[in-house]
Amino acid sequence: MAKLYSSYMFREKDPEIDELRTLIETNYGEKVRYNHLTKIERGGGPSASCMANWFFGKTKRPSNPTMEAAGRAMGFRRKWTKMSGEERDSIQRAVEKANRSKRG
């Protein structure tokens, strides 16, 4: 089972899935369709069925290399950016809450 990180929490699916969905929709000008995923696969990305499981299936935590490959196959790359103080504070509050609930 994957380790859970209190500084990176989400309820349903990894937010990176939604970020890639937005890139695909922006890139192709419409909602994600299987033929878009096939084009990404042909461009060097993961299999169309793998990506379909991210967007339409049960996959909640795709691996970093597959996410990276999908983005790069569309001509994008990720970049780390500094969070605002408000974002960091929100994460810290969530971490403290998670730690309190672990202690009981």
Protein backbone atom coordinates (compact mmCIF):
# COMPACT_ATOMS: atom_id res chain seq x y z
CA MET A 1 0.00 0.00 0.00
CA ALA A 2 1.27 3.48 -0.82
CA LYS A 3 2.48 5.63 2.04
CA LEU A 4 0.11 8.47 2.91
CA TYR A 5 1.68 11.89 3.36
CA SER A 6 -0.10 14.35 5.61
CA SER A 7 1.25 17.27 3.55
CA TYR A 8 -0.26 15.82 0.35
CA MET A 9 -3.82 14.74 0.97
CA PHE A 10 -6.80 14.38 -1.30
CA ARG A 11 -10.17 12.73 -0.87
CA GLU A 12 -10.82 11.08 -4.22
CA LYS A 13 -8.21 11.16 -6.96
CA ASP A 14 -4.77 12.72 -7.10
CA PRO A 15 -5.18 16.37 -8.14
CA GLU A 16 -2.53 15.83 -10.81
CA ILE A 17 -5.12 13.79 -12.72
CA ASP A 18 -7.34 16.86 -12.95
CA GLU A 19 -4.38 19.00 -13.97
CA LEU A 20 -3.62 16.63 -16.85
CA ARG A 21 -7.32 16.54 -17.78
CA THR A 22 -7.23 20.33 -18.08
CA LEU A 23 -4.09 20.17 -20.24
CA ILE A 24 -5.73 17.65 -22.57
CA GLU A 25 -8.94 19.66 -22.82
CA THR A 26 -6.98 22.85 -23.51
CA ASN A 27 -4.72 21.09 -26.01
CA TYR A 28 -7.57 19.44 -27.96
CA GLY A 29 -10.27 22.05 -27.38
CA GLU A 30 -12.87 19.63 -26.00
CA LYS A 31 -13.53 17.19 -23.16
CA VAL A 32 -11.18 14.23 -22.87
CA ARG A 33 -11.99 11.51 -25.39
CA TYR A 34 -10.37 8.14 -25.95
CA ASN A 35 -8.95 9.25 -29.32
CA HIS A 36 -7.02 12.02 -27.51
CA LEU A 37 -5.51 9.40 -25.23
CA THR A 38 -4.53 7.33 -28.26
CA LYS A 39 -2.73 10.34 -29.76
CA ILE A 40 -0.88 10.88 -26.48
CA GLU A 41 0.12 7.18 -26.42
CA ARG A 42 1.44 7.42 -29.99
CA GLY A 43 3.41 10.51 -28.95
CA GLY A 44 5.33 8.50 -26.33
CA GLY A 45 2.89 8.64 -23.42
CA PRO A 46 1.45 5.78 -21.41
CA SER A 47 -1.15 3.48 -22.93
CA ALA A 48 -4.56 4.94 -23.69
CA SER A 49 -6.16 2.37 -21.37
CA CYS A 50 -3.85 3.44 -18.52
CA MET A 51 -4.90 7.07 -18.94
CA ALA A 52 -8.56 6.10 -19.35
CA ASN A 53 -8.35 4.53 -15.90
CA TRP A 54 -7.09 7.85 -14.49
CA PHE A 55 -9.90 9.88 -15.98
CA PHE A 56 -12.79 7.42 -16.11
CA GLY A 57 -11.74 4.44 -14.00
CA LYS A 58 -10.67 3.52 -10.53
CA THR A 59 -7.03 4.68 -10.58
CA LYS A 60 -6.54 7.20 -7.78
CA ARG A 61 -2.75 7.53 -7.63
CA PRO A 62 -0.99 7.24 -11.00
CA SER A 63 2.77 6.85 -10.90
CA ASN A 64 4.88 9.93 -11.47
CA PRO A 65 6.65 8.55 -14.58
CA THR A 66 3.37 7.82 -16.37
CA MET A 67 1.96 11.27 -15.53
CA GLU A 68 5.19 12.89 -16.68
CA ALA A 69 5.20 10.87 -19.91
CA ALA A 70 1.63 11.89 -20.72
CA GLY A 71 2.38 15.57 -20.25
CA ARG A 72 5.61 15.43 -22.23
CA ALA A 73 3.92 13.54 -25.07
CA MET A 74 1.68 16.62 -25.42
CA GLY A 75 4.66 18.99 -25.26
CA PHE A 76 4.38 20.09 -21.61
CA ARG A 77 6.71 19.87 -18.64
CA ARG A 78 6.06 20.39 -14.95
CA LYS A 79 7.68 23.08 -12.86
CA TRP A 80 7.87 23.54 -9.09
CA THR A 81 6.55 26.88 -7.91
CA LYS A 82 6.59 28.50 -4.49
CA MET A 83 3.31 28.27 -2.56
CA SER A 84 1.73 31.33 -1.03
CA GLY A 85 1.90 31.70 2.73
CA GLU A 86 -1.84 31.02 2.86
CA GLU A 87 -1.43 27.73 1.00
CA ARG A 88 1.43 26.63 3.29
CA ASP A 89 -0.59 27.58 6.38
CA SER A 90 -3.57 25.58 5.12
CA ILE A 91 -1.38 22.53 4.59
CA GLN A 92 0.21 22.95 8.02
CA ARG A 93 -3.23 23.08 9.65
CA ALA A 94 -4.23 19.88 7.82
CA VAL A 95 -1.00 18.17 8.91
CA GLU A 96 -1.55 19.18 12.54
CA LYS A 97 -5.16 17.94 12.39
CA ALA A 98 -4.06 14.61 10.89
CA ASN A 99 -1.38 14.23 13.56
CA ARG A 100 -3.91 14.94 16.33
CA SER A 101 -6.31 12.33 14.97
CA LYS A 102 -3.48 9.75 14.84
CA ARG A 103 -2.75 10.31 18.51
CA GLY A 104 -6.39 9.73 19.37
